[in-house]
Each structure stands twice: as structure tokens, then as C-alpha cells.
Amino acid sequence: MNAYLNGIFVGLLILSNIVSVKLFHIGDAIILPAAAIIYIFTYPLIDVTVEVYGKKAGRATVQAGFITQIMAMVFIIITINIPAAPAFQNQSAFETILSGSFRVILASLVSYIISQNLDVLVFNRLKTLHGRKKLWLRNNASTMLSQLIDTTIFILIAYYGTVPVQVLGTLILTQYIFKFAASVVMTPVVYLLVGLIRKNEQTGKSQKEQTFA
């Protein structure tokens, strides 16, 4: 099951990078990149991985995501710059959708590697203290802290110097409120995934024991 978690995690990361060029709004005050509705699912996946398979597996998943994002960036740059066939009339649209500024890409990578590793560290520390109890606490505490760090680092690197400081604060606050609420809503999903995986792992273990009995 760990392989499935890794695959879904990496896939969501790449997808979030692709759709990040679109902005959407909630009411009149909150403006978010479309990636936000995808990226919020990556933290529960990391938490589930650490809960079931341990800290080492969680860090390996984070590293795989980081490497994959760099590879995706390299290949996107290559595909943008190779000569377009005469029959292909959408080169400008292709570039607009897939090419982000260097600052945005850098902000994404830096905020990702710091916040996701922090999520693994905090979640694992709380699991060491509580064992299997209080999954809701370590899931929300690790995600809310790491999301705050992720949002702050990303916005500061991507937009500092290009917009007023008060706007930076508003962007950080509004995006974090959205992510905070999403973290709470996702808690039952974490419980569901952990339960299903542990049940599947136990079933597989029992079948193996019966086979060798």
C-alpha cells in the first residue's frame, strides 16, 4: 500500500504545479491558486504514511516528491523550447499554462521541502509520545504548523518586493485560513485511510501465515 500512497502523493504534487497558474476566489476576500485545492491532500497522505509505515518512509516519500518536481520542471522546460510543428497552433497557450516564473518555481520547491519535512518530524514526535492514540491531534498539529510555514515561505519568496507588505500579510492569512479549515475537514479521511491500510496489512499478514503454516 505504501507504493500506492507514494504514487498518489507524487501525482498530486505534479498536478498542483500544473494548475497553479489559475487563481480562484472564495467570496470577495480570499484569492487562491487552483493548486491549493489539490496540495492540501498531500499532507494527509504524508501523515498516513508516517502513521502506518514510520518516519523513514515519510521522509522517503517527501524526497521522491522533491526529485520528481525537479524532473518535471526540467522536462517542461525542454518541451516548451523544442520547435513546435507547423500543425501545432497552440504554442503560446502551451507556454502560458506550463511555464511559471523562476521565483514561483523556487518558492514552491523551497517551501515544499521545508514544510513537508517539518510535517514528518512533528507528526512522528507526537506519535512517539502518544502511540496510536490521538491521531487527530498529531494529524492536525503537524499539518497546521507545516502549512503555516509552507504558506509563509512560498508567498515571501514568490512575491516579496513585487507587492506591498500589507498585501503579503493578507495573502498569507487568507491562504492559511483556507488550509487550516481544510486540515480539519480532512481528519476523518486520515482515520479512514489508516484504518483501511492497517486492515489490509493485517489481512495480508494473516494470509501469509496461513500459507506457510
N, C-alpha and C. Protein backbone atom coordinates (compact mmCIF):
# COMPACT_ATOMS: atom_id res chain seq x y z
N MET A 1 0.82 -1.21 0.00
CA MET A 1 0.00 0.00 0.00
C MET A 1 0.85 1.26 0.00
N ASN A 2 2.06 1.16 0.55
CA ASN A 2 2.94 2.33 0.60
C ASN A 2 3.26 2.84 -0.81
N ALA A 3 3.40 1.91 -1.75
CA ALA A 3 3.67 2.30 -3.13
C ALA A 3 2.52 3.11 -3.71
N TYR A 4 1.29 2.74 -3.37
CA TYR A 4 0.12 3.48 -3.84
C TYR A 4 0.10 4.89 -3.25
N LEU A 5 0.40 4.98 -1.96
CA LEU A 5 0.45 6.29 -1.31
C LEU A 5 1.50 7.19 -1.96
N ASN A 6 2.66 6.61 -2.24
CA ASN A 6 3.73 7.38 -2.88
C ASN A 6 3.30 7.86 -4.27
N GLY A 7 2.68 6.96 -5.03
CA GLY A 7 2.26 7.31 -6.38
C GLY A 7 1.22 8.42 -6.39
N ILE A 8 0.24 8.31 -5.50
CA ILE A 8 -0.81 9.34 -5.42
C ILE A 8 -0.21 10.66 -4.96
N PHE A 9 0.68 10.61 -3.98
CA PHE A 9 1.31 11.82 -3.45
C PHE A 9 2.08 12.56 -4.55
N VAL A 10 2.93 11.85 -5.26
CA VAL A 10 3.73 12.47 -6.33
C VAL A 10 2.83 12.99 -7.44
N GLY A 11 1.82 12.21 -7.80
CA GLY A 11 0.90 12.64 -8.85
C GLY A 11 0.18 13.93 -8.50
N LEU A 12 -0.26 14.05 -7.25
CA LEU A 12 -0.93 15.27 -6.81
C LEU A 12 0.01 16.46 -6.82
N LEU A 13 1.26 16.24 -6.45
CA LEU A 13 2.24 17.33 -6.48
C LEU A 13 2.42 17.89 -7.89
N ILE A 14 2.61 17.00 -8.84
CA ILE A 14 2.82 17.43 -10.23
C ILE A 14 1.57 18.12 -10.75
N LEU A 15 0.41 17.56 -10.46
CA LEU A 15 -0.85 18.16 -10.91
C LEU A 15 -1.04 19.55 -10.31
N SER A 16 -0.70 19.71 -9.03
CA SER A 16 -0.85 21.02 -8.39
C SER A 16 0.05 22.06 -9.03
N ASN A 17 1.25 21.66 -9.45
CA ASN A 17 2.16 22.59 -10.12
C ASN A 17 1.60 23.03 -11.47
N ILE A 18 0.93 22.10 -12.16
CA ILE A 18 0.39 22.42 -13.49
C ILE A 18 -0.77 23.40 -13.40
N VAL A 19 -1.67 23.20 -12.43
CA VAL A 19 -2.87 24.04 -12.36
C VAL A 19 -2.66 25.32 -11.55
N SER A 20 -1.45 25.52 -11.01
CA SER A 20 -1.21 26.65 -10.11
C SER A 20 -1.32 28.01 -10.79
N VAL A 21 -1.28 28.04 -12.13
CA VAL A 21 -1.35 29.32 -12.83
C VAL A 21 -2.74 29.95 -12.74
N LYS A 22 -3.75 29.15 -12.43
CA LYS A 22 -5.11 29.69 -12.32
C LYS A 22 -5.39 30.14 -10.89
N LEU A 23 -6.03 31.31 -10.76
CA LEU A 23 -6.45 31.82 -9.46
C LEU A 23 -7.98 31.72 -9.36
N PHE A 24 -8.48 31.42 -8.17
CA PHE A 24 -9.91 31.44 -7.95
C PHE A 24 -10.19 32.18 -6.65
N HIS A 25 -11.43 32.54 -6.42
CA HIS A 25 -11.75 33.30 -5.22
C HIS A 25 -12.89 32.67 -4.45
N ILE A 26 -12.86 32.89 -3.14
CA ILE A 26 -13.93 32.47 -2.24
C ILE A 26 -14.48 33.75 -1.63
N GLY A 27 -15.68 34.14 -2.02
CA GLY A 27 -16.22 35.42 -1.58
C GLY A 27 -15.44 36.56 -2.22
N ASP A 28 -15.31 37.65 -1.48
CA ASP A 28 -14.60 38.82 -2.01
C ASP A 28 -13.20 38.97 -1.44
N ALA A 29 -12.89 38.22 -0.38
CA ALA A 29 -11.63 38.46 0.33
C ALA A 29 -10.54 37.44 0.05
N ILE A 30 -10.92 36.21 -0.26
CA ILE A 30 -9.92 35.15 -0.38
C ILE A 30 -9.66 34.81 -1.84
N ILE A 31 -8.41 34.98 -2.25
CA ILE A 31 -7.97 34.60 -3.60
C ILE A 31 -6.88 33.56 -3.46
N LEU A 32 -7.06 32.44 -4.15
CA LEU A 32 -6.13 31.31 -4.01
C LEU A 32 -5.73 30.77 -5.37
N PRO A 33 -4.52 30.19 -5.45
CA PRO A 33 -4.17 29.46 -6.67
C PRO A 33 -4.94 28.15 -6.71
N ALA A 34 -5.29 27.70 -7.90
CA ALA A 34 -6.05 26.45 -8.03
C ALA A 34 -5.31 25.27 -7.41
N ALA A 35 -3.99 25.38 -7.32
CA ALA A 35 -3.19 24.30 -6.74
C ALA A 35 -3.57 24.03 -5.29
N ALA A 36 -4.13 25.03 -4.61
CA ALA A 36 -4.45 24.88 -3.19
C ALA A 36 -5.43 23.75 -2.93
N ILE A 37 -6.40 23.56 -3.82
CA ILE A 37 -7.41 22.53 -3.61
C ILE A 37 -6.85 21.13 -3.83
N ILE A 38 -5.68 21.05 -4.46
CA ILE A 38 -5.02 19.76 -4.67
C ILE A 38 -3.94 19.53 -3.62
N TYR A 39 -3.15 20.58 -3.36
CA TYR A 39 -1.99 20.46 -2.48
C TYR A 39 -2.37 20.09 -1.06
N ILE A 40 -3.57 20.51 -0.62
CA ILE A 40 -3.98 20.21 0.75
C ILE A 40 -4.12 18.71 1.00
N PHE A 41 -4.25 17.93 -0.05
CA PHE A 41 -4.37 16.48 0.11
C PHE A 41 -3.02 15.80 0.32
N THR A 42 -1.93 16.51 0.03
CA THR A 42 -0.62 15.87 0.16
C THR A 42 -0.22 15.68 1.62
N TYR A 43 -0.63 16.62 2.49
CA TYR A 43 -0.26 16.49 3.90
C TYR A 43 -0.93 15.30 4.58
N PRO A 44 -2.22 15.06 4.38
CA PRO A 44 -2.81 13.85 4.95
C PRO A 44 -2.14 12.57 4.46
N LEU A 45 -1.73 12.56 3.19
CA LEU A 45 -1.06 11.37 2.65
C LEU A 45 0.27 11.13 3.36
N ILE A 46 1.01 12.21 3.62
CA ILE A 46 2.27 12.08 4.35
C ILE A 46 2.02 11.60 5.78
N ASP A 47 0.99 12.17 6.42
CA ASP A 47 0.66 11.77 7.78
C ASP A 47 0.27 10.30 7.86
N VAL A 48 -0.51 9.85 6.90
CA VAL A 48 -0.90 8.43 6.86
C VAL A 48 0.32 7.55 6.68
N THR A 49 1.23 7.97 5.81
CA THR A 49 2.46 7.20 5.57
C THR A 49 3.29 7.06 6.83
N VAL A 50 3.47 8.18 7.56
CA VAL A 50 4.25 8.14 8.80
C VAL A 50 3.53 7.32 9.87
N GLU A 51 2.21 7.47 9.94
CA GLU A 51 1.43 6.74 10.95
C GLU A 51 1.55 5.24 10.77
N VAL A 52 1.48 4.78 9.53
CA VAL A 52 1.46 3.33 9.27
C VAL A 52 2.86 2.76 9.04
N TYR A 53 3.69 3.48 8.31
CA TYR A 53 4.99 2.93 7.89
C TYR A 53 6.21 3.56 8.56
N GLY A 54 6.00 4.65 9.29
CA GLY A 54 7.10 5.23 10.05
C GLY A 54 7.74 6.46 9.42
N LYS A 55 8.60 7.11 10.22
CA LYS A 55 9.25 8.36 9.84
C LYS A 55 10.12 8.20 8.60
N LYS A 56 10.86 7.11 8.53
CA LYS A 56 11.76 6.88 7.40
C LYS A 56 10.99 6.83 6.08
N ALA A 57 9.86 6.14 6.09
CA ALA A 57 9.03 6.04 4.88
C ALA A 57 8.47 7.40 4.50
N GLY A 58 8.07 8.19 5.51
CA GLY A 58 7.55 9.52 5.25
C GLY A 58 8.58 10.42 4.59
N ARG A 59 9.80 10.40 5.10
CA ARG A 59 10.86 11.22 4.52
C ARG A 59 11.22 10.75 3.11
N ALA A 60 11.17 9.46 2.89
CA ALA A 60 11.46 8.93 1.55
C ALA A 60 10.42 9.43 0.55
N THR A 61 9.15 9.49 0.98
CA THR A 61 8.08 10.00 0.12
C THR A 61 8.28 11.47 -0.20
N VAL A 62 8.67 12.25 0.81
CA VAL A 62 8.94 13.68 0.61
C VAL A 62 10.09 13.87 -0.38
N GLN A 63 11.15 13.09 -0.22
CA GLN A 63 12.30 13.19 -1.13
C GLN A 63 11.92 12.80 -2.55
N ALA A 64 11.09 11.76 -2.67
CA ALA A 64 10.65 11.34 -4.00
C ALA A 64 9.85 12.46 -4.67
N GLY A 65 9.01 13.13 -3.89
CA GLY A 65 8.23 14.25 -4.44
C GLY A 65 9.12 15.40 -4.88
N PHE A 66 10.14 15.70 -4.11
CA PHE A 66 11.06 16.79 -4.44
C PHE A 66 11.81 16.49 -5.73
N ILE A 67 12.35 15.29 -5.83
CA ILE A 67 13.10 14.89 -7.03
C ILE A 67 12.20 14.90 -8.25
N THR A 68 10.98 14.39 -8.08
CA THR A 68 10.03 14.33 -9.21
C THR A 68 9.65 15.72 -9.68
N GLN A 69 9.49 16.66 -8.76
CA GLN A 69 9.16 18.02 -9.15
C GLN A 69 10.29 18.66 -9.96
N ILE A 70 11.51 18.41 -9.56
CA ILE A 70 12.65 18.94 -10.31
C ILE A 70 12.71 18.33 -11.71
N MET A 71 12.50 17.02 -11.78
CA MET A 71 12.48 16.34 -13.07
C MET A 71 11.37 16.89 -13.96
N ALA A 72 10.19 17.09 -13.37
CA ALA A 72 9.06 17.62 -14.14
C ALA A 72 9.39 19.02 -14.67
N MET A 73 10.02 19.85 -13.84
CA MET A 73 10.39 21.20 -14.25
C MET A 73 11.36 21.16 -15.43
N VAL A 74 12.35 20.27 -15.35
CA VAL A 74 13.34 20.15 -16.43
C VAL A 74 12.67 19.72 -17.73
N PHE A 75 11.81 18.71 -17.64
CA PHE A 75 11.16 18.21 -18.86
C PHE A 75 10.16 19.22 -19.43
N ILE A 76 9.51 19.98 -18.56
CA ILE A 76 8.60 21.02 -19.05
C ILE A 76 9.37 22.09 -19.80
N ILE A 77 10.53 22.49 -19.26
CA ILE A 77 11.37 23.48 -19.95
C ILE A 77 11.80 22.96 -21.31
N ILE A 78 12.17 21.68 -21.36
CA ILE A 78 12.59 21.08 -22.62
C ILE A 78 11.45 21.07 -23.63
N THR A 79 10.26 20.65 -23.20
CA THR A 79 9.13 20.56 -24.13
C THR A 79 8.66 21.93 -24.60
N ILE A 80 8.82 22.94 -23.76
CA ILE A 80 8.45 24.29 -24.18
C ILE A 80 9.39 24.81 -25.27
N ASN A 81 10.65 24.46 -25.16
CA ASN A 81 11.67 25.04 -26.05
C ASN A 81 11.96 24.23 -27.31
N ILE A 82 11.48 23.00 -27.39
CA ILE A 82 11.70 22.27 -28.64
C ILE A 82 10.81 22.88 -29.72
N PRO A 83 11.25 22.88 -30.97
CA PRO A 83 10.50 23.53 -32.05
C PRO A 83 9.10 22.92 -32.21
N ALA A 84 8.11 23.79 -32.30
CA ALA A 84 6.73 23.33 -32.48
C ALA A 84 6.49 22.99 -33.95
N ALA A 85 5.74 21.93 -34.18
CA ALA A 85 5.39 21.55 -35.55
C ALA A 85 4.46 22.60 -36.14
N PRO A 86 4.51 22.81 -37.48
CA PRO A 86 3.64 23.80 -38.12
C PRO A 86 2.15 23.56 -37.83
N ALA A 87 1.78 22.30 -37.67
CA ALA A 87 0.38 21.98 -37.42
C ALA A 87 -0.07 22.34 -36.00
N PHE A 88 0.90 22.55 -35.13
CA PHE A 88 0.56 22.87 -33.73
C PHE A 88 0.41 24.38 -33.60
N GLN A 89 -0.79 24.84 -33.36
CA GLN A 89 -1.10 26.27 -33.34
C GLN A 89 -1.26 26.83 -31.92
N ASN A 90 -0.94 26.06 -30.92
CA ASN A 90 -1.21 26.49 -29.54
C ASN A 90 0.05 26.65 -28.69
N GLN A 91 1.16 27.01 -29.33
CA GLN A 91 2.41 27.13 -28.60
C GLN A 91 2.33 28.17 -27.48
N SER A 92 1.75 29.32 -27.75
CA SER A 92 1.68 30.38 -26.73
C SER A 92 0.83 29.95 -25.54
N ALA A 93 -0.28 29.28 -25.81
CA ALA A 93 -1.13 28.79 -24.73
C ALA A 93 -0.40 27.70 -23.93
N PHE A 94 0.33 26.85 -24.65
CA PHE A 94 1.12 25.79 -24.02
C PHE A 94 2.13 26.39 -23.05
N GLU A 95 2.82 27.44 -23.50
CA GLU A 95 3.81 28.10 -22.66
C GLU A 95 3.17 28.79 -21.46
N THR A 96 2.03 29.42 -21.69
CA THR A 96 1.35 30.13 -20.61
C THR A 96 0.94 29.20 -19.48
N ILE A 97 0.41 28.05 -19.85
CA ILE A 97 -0.06 27.09 -18.86
C ILE A 97 1.09 26.42 -18.11
N LEU A 98 2.12 26.05 -18.82
CA LEU A 98 3.17 25.22 -18.23
C LEU A 98 4.38 25.97 -17.68
N SER A 99 4.58 27.20 -18.11
CA SER A 99 5.78 27.90 -17.65
C SER A 99 5.45 28.87 -16.53
N GLY A 100 6.11 28.72 -15.40
CA GLY A 100 5.97 29.65 -14.29
C GLY A 100 7.26 30.44 -14.16
N SER A 101 7.18 31.54 -13.45
CA SER A 101 8.39 32.33 -13.26
C SER A 101 9.38 31.57 -12.38
N PHE A 102 10.66 31.92 -12.49
CA PHE A 102 11.69 31.25 -11.70
C PHE A 102 11.42 31.43 -10.21
N ARG A 103 10.98 32.63 -9.81
CA ARG A 103 10.72 32.88 -8.40
C ARG A 103 9.61 31.99 -7.86
N VAL A 104 8.56 31.80 -8.64
CA VAL A 104 7.44 30.95 -8.20
C VAL A 104 7.89 29.50 -8.09
N ILE A 105 8.66 29.04 -9.06
CA ILE A 105 9.17 27.67 -9.02
C ILE A 105 10.08 27.47 -7.82
N LEU A 106 11.00 28.44 -7.60
CA LEU A 106 11.91 28.37 -6.46
C LEU A 106 11.13 28.39 -5.15
N ALA A 107 10.14 29.27 -5.06
CA ALA A 107 9.32 29.37 -3.86
C ALA A 107 8.61 28.06 -3.57
N SER A 108 8.10 27.43 -4.62
CA SER A 108 7.38 26.17 -4.47
C SER A 108 8.29 25.07 -3.94
N LEU A 109 9.50 24.96 -4.50
CA LEU A 109 10.42 23.90 -4.10
C LEU A 109 10.93 24.11 -2.69
N VAL A 110 11.31 25.35 -2.35
CA VAL A 110 11.85 25.63 -1.01
C VAL A 110 10.78 25.41 0.05
N SER A 111 9.59 25.96 -0.17
CA SER A 111 8.51 25.82 0.82
C SER A 111 8.10 24.36 0.96
N TYR A 112 8.12 23.62 -0.14
CA TYR A 112 7.75 22.21 -0.11
C TYR A 112 8.70 21.39 0.75
N ILE A 113 9.99 21.49 0.48
CA ILE A 113 10.96 20.61 1.16
C ILE A 113 11.04 20.94 2.65
N ILE A 114 10.88 22.20 3.01
CA ILE A 114 10.93 22.57 4.43
C ILE A 114 9.65 22.15 5.14
N SER A 115 8.51 22.49 4.58
CA SER A 115 7.24 22.24 5.27
C SER A 115 6.89 20.76 5.35
N GLN A 116 7.17 20.01 4.29
CA GLN A 116 6.82 18.58 4.32
C GLN A 116 7.72 17.82 5.28
N ASN A 117 9.00 18.16 5.34
CA ASN A 117 9.88 17.52 6.31
C ASN A 117 9.50 17.90 7.74
N LEU A 118 9.05 19.14 7.93
CA LEU A 118 8.58 19.56 9.24
C LEU A 118 7.33 18.77 9.63
N ASP A 119 6.45 18.55 8.68
CA ASP A 119 5.24 17.77 8.93
C ASP A 119 5.60 16.36 9.41
N VAL A 120 6.56 15.73 8.75
CA VAL A 120 7.00 14.39 9.13
C VAL A 120 7.59 14.41 10.54
N LEU A 121 8.43 15.41 10.82
CA LEU A 121 9.10 15.50 12.12
C LEU A 121 8.10 15.68 13.26
N VAL A 122 7.19 16.63 13.11
CA VAL A 122 6.22 16.91 14.17
C VAL A 122 5.27 15.73 14.37
N PHE A 123 4.78 15.17 13.28
CA PHE A 123 3.86 14.04 13.36
C PHE A 123 4.53 12.87 14.08
N ASN A 124 5.77 12.58 13.73
CA ASN A 124 6.48 11.45 14.32
C ASN A 124 6.75 11.68 15.80
N ARG A 125 7.10 12.94 16.16
CA ARG A 125 7.34 13.24 17.58
C ARG A 125 6.08 13.00 18.40
N LEU A 126 4.94 13.45 17.90
CA LEU A 126 3.69 13.27 18.61
C LEU A 126 3.27 11.80 18.66
N LYS A 127 3.59 11.07 17.60
CA LYS A 127 3.27 9.64 17.60
C LYS A 127 4.12 8.90 18.64
N THR A 128 5.37 9.31 18.79
CA THR A 128 6.25 8.72 19.80
C THR A 128 5.69 8.95 21.20
N LEU A 129 5.09 10.11 21.42
CA LEU A 129 4.52 10.44 22.72
C LEU A 129 3.21 9.69 23.00
N HIS A 130 2.36 9.56 21.99
CA HIS A 130 1.01 9.06 22.20
C HIS A 130 0.75 7.65 21.65
N GLY A 131 1.70 7.07 20.92
CA GLY A 131 1.45 5.77 20.31
C GLY A 131 0.38 5.89 19.25
N ARG A 132 -0.57 4.97 19.25
CA ARG A 132 -1.66 5.02 18.27
C ARG A 132 -2.81 5.92 18.69
N LYS A 133 -2.74 6.43 19.92
CA LYS A 133 -3.80 7.30 20.41
C LYS A 133 -3.65 8.72 19.84
N LYS A 134 -4.71 9.47 19.84
CA LYS A 134 -4.72 10.89 19.46
C LYS A 134 -4.19 11.14 18.06
N LEU A 135 -4.61 10.32 17.12
CA LEU A 135 -4.23 10.53 15.72
C LEU A 135 -4.72 11.89 15.24
N TRP A 136 -5.91 12.30 15.68
CA TRP A 136 -6.46 13.59 15.28
C TRP A 136 -5.54 14.75 15.69
N LEU A 137 -4.89 14.61 16.85
CA LEU A 137 -4.03 15.68 17.35
C LEU A 137 -2.77 15.81 16.51
N ARG A 138 -2.09 14.69 16.28
CA ARG A 138 -0.84 14.80 15.52
C ARG A 138 -1.09 15.13 14.05
N ASN A 139 -2.22 14.65 13.51
CA ASN A 139 -2.55 14.98 12.13
C ASN A 139 -2.77 16.49 11.97
N ASN A 140 -3.60 17.05 12.84
CA ASN A 140 -3.92 18.48 12.72
C ASN A 140 -2.76 19.37 13.16
N ALA A 141 -2.09 19.01 14.25
CA ALA A 141 -0.99 19.85 14.73
C ALA A 141 0.14 19.91 13.72
N SER A 142 0.53 18.76 13.17
CA SER A 142 1.64 18.73 12.21
C SER A 142 1.27 19.44 10.92
N THR A 143 0.03 19.22 10.46
CA THR A 143 -0.40 19.83 9.20
C THR A 143 -0.57 21.34 9.34
N MET A 144 -1.19 21.78 10.42
CA MET A 144 -1.43 23.21 10.59
C MET A 144 -0.12 23.99 10.72
N LEU A 145 0.84 23.44 11.45
CA LEU A 145 2.13 24.12 11.59
C LEU A 145 2.89 24.13 10.28
N SER A 146 2.96 22.97 9.62
CA SER A 146 3.71 22.89 8.37
C SER A 146 3.05 23.71 7.26
N GLN A 147 1.72 23.77 7.26
CA GLN A 147 1.02 24.58 6.25
C GLN A 147 1.30 26.07 6.48
N LEU A 148 1.40 26.49 7.73
CA LEU A 148 1.73 27.89 8.03
C LEU A 148 3.12 28.23 7.49
N ILE A 149 4.07 27.33 7.73
CA ILE A 149 5.44 27.54 7.25
C ILE A 149 5.46 27.53 5.72
N ASP A 150 4.75 26.58 5.13
CA ASP A 150 4.70 26.46 3.67
C ASP A 150 4.14 27.73 3.03
N THR A 151 3.01 28.19 3.55
CA THR A 151 2.36 29.38 3.00
C THR A 151 3.23 30.62 3.15
N THR A 152 3.83 30.79 4.32
CA THR A 152 4.65 31.98 4.59
C THR A 152 5.88 32.01 3.69
N ILE A 153 6.59 30.89 3.62
CA ILE A 153 7.81 30.83 2.80
C ILE A 153 7.49 31.04 1.33
N PHE A 154 6.45 30.37 0.85
CA PHE A 154 6.12 30.48 -0.57
C PHE A 154 5.78 31.92 -0.95
N ILE A 155 4.91 32.55 -0.20
CA ILE A 155 4.47 33.90 -0.56
C ILE A 155 5.61 34.91 -0.44
N LEU A 156 6.44 34.78 0.60
CA LEU A 156 7.55 35.71 0.77
C LEU A 156 8.56 35.60 -0.38
N ILE A 157 8.90 34.37 -0.76
CA ILE A 157 9.87 34.19 -1.85
C ILE A 157 9.27 34.59 -3.19
N ALA A 158 8.02 34.22 -3.42
CA ALA A 158 7.40 34.45 -4.73
C ALA A 158 7.02 35.91 -4.96
N TYR A 159 6.61 36.63 -3.89
CA TYR A 159 6.02 37.94 -4.11
C TYR A 159 6.67 39.11 -3.37
N TYR A 160 7.64 38.83 -2.48
CA TYR A 160 8.26 39.94 -1.74
C TYR A 160 8.94 40.91 -2.70
N GLY A 161 8.64 42.20 -2.51
CA GLY A 161 9.22 43.22 -3.37
C GLY A 161 8.38 43.55 -4.58
N THR A 162 7.38 42.72 -4.84
CA THR A 162 6.51 42.97 -6.01
C THR A 162 5.14 43.50 -5.59
N VAL A 163 4.77 43.28 -4.33
CA VAL A 163 3.50 43.80 -3.80
C VAL A 163 3.78 44.42 -2.43
N PRO A 164 2.92 45.33 -1.96
CA PRO A 164 3.10 45.94 -0.64
C PRO A 164 3.14 44.88 0.47
N VAL A 165 3.84 45.22 1.56
CA VAL A 165 4.00 44.28 2.67
C VAL A 165 2.65 43.88 3.26
N GLN A 166 1.72 44.83 3.37
CA GLN A 166 0.41 44.51 3.94
C GLN A 166 -0.36 43.52 3.08
N VAL A 167 -0.11 43.57 1.76
CA VAL A 167 -0.75 42.62 0.86
C VAL A 167 -0.16 41.22 1.09
N LEU A 168 1.14 41.17 1.32
CA LEU A 168 1.77 39.89 1.63
C LEU A 168 1.13 39.26 2.87
N GLY A 169 0.92 40.07 3.88
CA GLY A 169 0.29 39.58 5.10
C GLY A 169 -1.12 39.07 4.85
N THR A 170 -1.86 39.78 4.01
CA THR A 170 -3.22 39.36 3.68
C THR A 170 -3.22 38.05 2.92
N LEU A 171 -2.30 37.92 1.98
CA LEU A 171 -2.20 36.67 1.21
C LEU A 171 -1.89 35.49 2.11
N ILE A 172 -0.93 35.68 3.02
CA ILE A 172 -0.56 34.61 3.94
C ILE A 172 -1.74 34.23 4.82
N LEU A 173 -2.41 35.23 5.38
CA LEU A 173 -3.52 34.98 6.29
C LEU A 173 -4.68 34.27 5.61
N THR A 174 -5.11 34.79 4.46
CA THR A 174 -6.28 34.21 3.79
C THR A 174 -6.00 32.79 3.30
N GLN A 175 -4.80 32.56 2.75
CA GLN A 175 -4.48 31.21 2.28
C GLN A 175 -4.37 30.24 3.44
N TYR A 176 -3.82 30.72 4.56
CA TYR A 176 -3.68 29.82 5.70
C TYR A 176 -5.03 29.47 6.31
N ILE A 177 -5.95 30.43 6.34
CA ILE A 177 -7.29 30.15 6.86
C ILE A 177 -7.95 29.02 6.05
N PHE A 178 -7.80 29.10 4.73
CA PHE A 178 -8.34 28.06 3.86
C PHE A 178 -7.70 26.70 4.17
N LYS A 179 -6.36 26.69 4.29
CA LYS A 179 -5.65 25.44 4.54
C LYS A 179 -5.96 24.90 5.93
N PHE A 180 -6.11 25.80 6.90
CA PHE A 180 -6.45 25.41 8.27
C PHE A 180 -7.80 24.69 8.29
N ALA A 181 -8.78 25.28 7.64
CA ALA A 181 -10.11 24.68 7.58
C ALA A 181 -10.07 23.34 6.86
N ALA A 182 -9.29 23.28 5.77
CA ALA A 182 -9.19 22.04 5.01
C ALA A 182 -8.57 20.93 5.84
N SER A 183 -7.59 21.28 6.68
CA SER A 183 -6.93 20.29 7.53
C SER A 183 -7.93 19.64 8.48
N VAL A 184 -8.80 20.45 9.07
CA VAL A 184 -9.82 19.93 9.99
C VAL A 184 -10.80 19.01 9.26
N VAL A 185 -11.22 19.44 8.08
CA VAL A 185 -12.17 18.66 7.29
C VAL A 185 -11.57 17.32 6.86
N MET A 186 -10.25 17.30 6.61
CA MET A 186 -9.60 16.09 6.12
C MET A 186 -9.31 15.06 7.21
N THR A 187 -9.50 15.41 8.47
CA THR A 187 -9.18 14.50 9.57
C THR A 187 -9.90 13.15 9.46
N PRO A 188 -11.21 13.11 9.17
CA PRO A 188 -11.87 11.80 9.01
C PRO A 188 -11.28 10.96 7.88
N VAL A 189 -10.78 11.63 6.84
CA VAL A 189 -10.17 10.91 5.72
C VAL A 189 -8.90 10.21 6.18
N VAL A 190 -8.12 10.89 7.03
CA VAL A 190 -6.90 10.29 7.57
C VAL A 190 -7.25 9.04 8.37
N TYR A 191 -8.24 9.15 9.24
CA TYR A 191 -8.67 7.99 10.03
C TYR A 191 -9.12 6.84 9.11
N LEU A 192 -9.87 7.17 8.08
CA LEU A 192 -10.36 6.16 7.15
C LEU A 192 -9.22 5.45 6.44
N LEU A 193 -8.26 6.21 5.93
CA LEU A 193 -7.13 5.62 5.20
C LEU A 193 -6.27 4.76 6.12
N VAL A 194 -5.98 5.26 7.31
CA VAL A 194 -5.17 4.49 8.25
C VAL A 194 -5.86 3.18 8.60
N GLY A 195 -7.17 3.24 8.85
CA GLY A 195 -7.91 2.04 9.18
C GLY A 195 -7.92 1.03 8.05
N LEU A 196 -8.15 1.51 6.82
CA LEU A 196 -8.19 0.61 5.66
C LEU A 196 -6.83 -0.03 5.41
N ILE A 197 -5.77 0.76 5.52
CA ILE A 197 -4.42 0.23 5.26
C ILE A 197 -4.03 -0.78 6.32
N ARG A 198 -4.29 -0.48 7.58
CA ARG A 198 -3.94 -1.42 8.64
C ARG A 198 -4.74 -2.72 8.52
N LYS A 199 -6.00 -2.59 8.14
CA LYS A 199 -6.82 -3.79 7.93
C LYS A 199 -6.27 -4.62 6.78
N ASN A 200 -5.88 -3.94 5.69
CA ASN A 200 -5.33 -4.63 4.53
C ASN A 200 -4.00 -5.29 4.87
N GLU A 201 -3.16 -4.57 5.63
CA GLU A 201 -1.86 -5.13 6.02
C GLU A 201 -2.05 -6.35 6.92
N GLN A 202 -3.02 -6.28 7.84
CA GLN A 202 -3.26 -7.39 8.74
C GLN A 202 -3.81 -8.60 7.99
N THR A 203 -4.69 -8.34 7.02
CA THR A 203 -5.23 -9.43 6.20
C THR A 203 -4.13 -10.12 5.40
N GLY A 204 -3.24 -9.30 4.81
CA GLY A 204 -2.14 -9.86 4.04
C GLY A 204 -1.19 -10.67 4.90
N LYS A 205 -0.95 -10.21 6.13
CA LYS A 205 -0.07 -10.92 7.05
C LYS A 205 -0.68 -12.25 7.46
N SER A 206 -1.98 -12.24 7.72
CA SER A 206 -2.67 -13.48 8.12
C SER A 206 -2.65 -14.51 6.99
N GLN A 207 -2.84 -14.05 5.76
CA GLN A 207 -2.82 -14.95 4.61
C GLN A 207 -1.44 -15.58 4.43
N LYS A 208 -0.39 -14.80 4.64
CA LYS A 208 0.97 -15.33 4.53
C LYS A 208 1.24 -16.38 5.60
N GLU A 209 0.77 -16.10 6.82
CA GLU A 209 0.98 -17.05 7.92
C GLU A 209 0.25 -18.35 7.64
N GLN A 210 -0.94 -18.27 7.06
CA GLN A 210 -1.69 -19.48 6.73
C GLN A 210 -1.01 -20.26 5.61
N THR A 211 -0.39 -19.53 4.68
CA THR A 211 0.29 -20.17 3.56
C THR A 211 1.47 -20.99 4.02
N PHE A 212 2.24 -20.43 5.00
CA PHE A 212 3.44 -21.11 5.48
C PHE A 212 3.18 -22.01 6.67
N ALA A 213 1.93 -22.05 7.13
CA ALA A 213 1.61 -22.91 8.28
C ALA A 213 1.63 -24.39 7.91
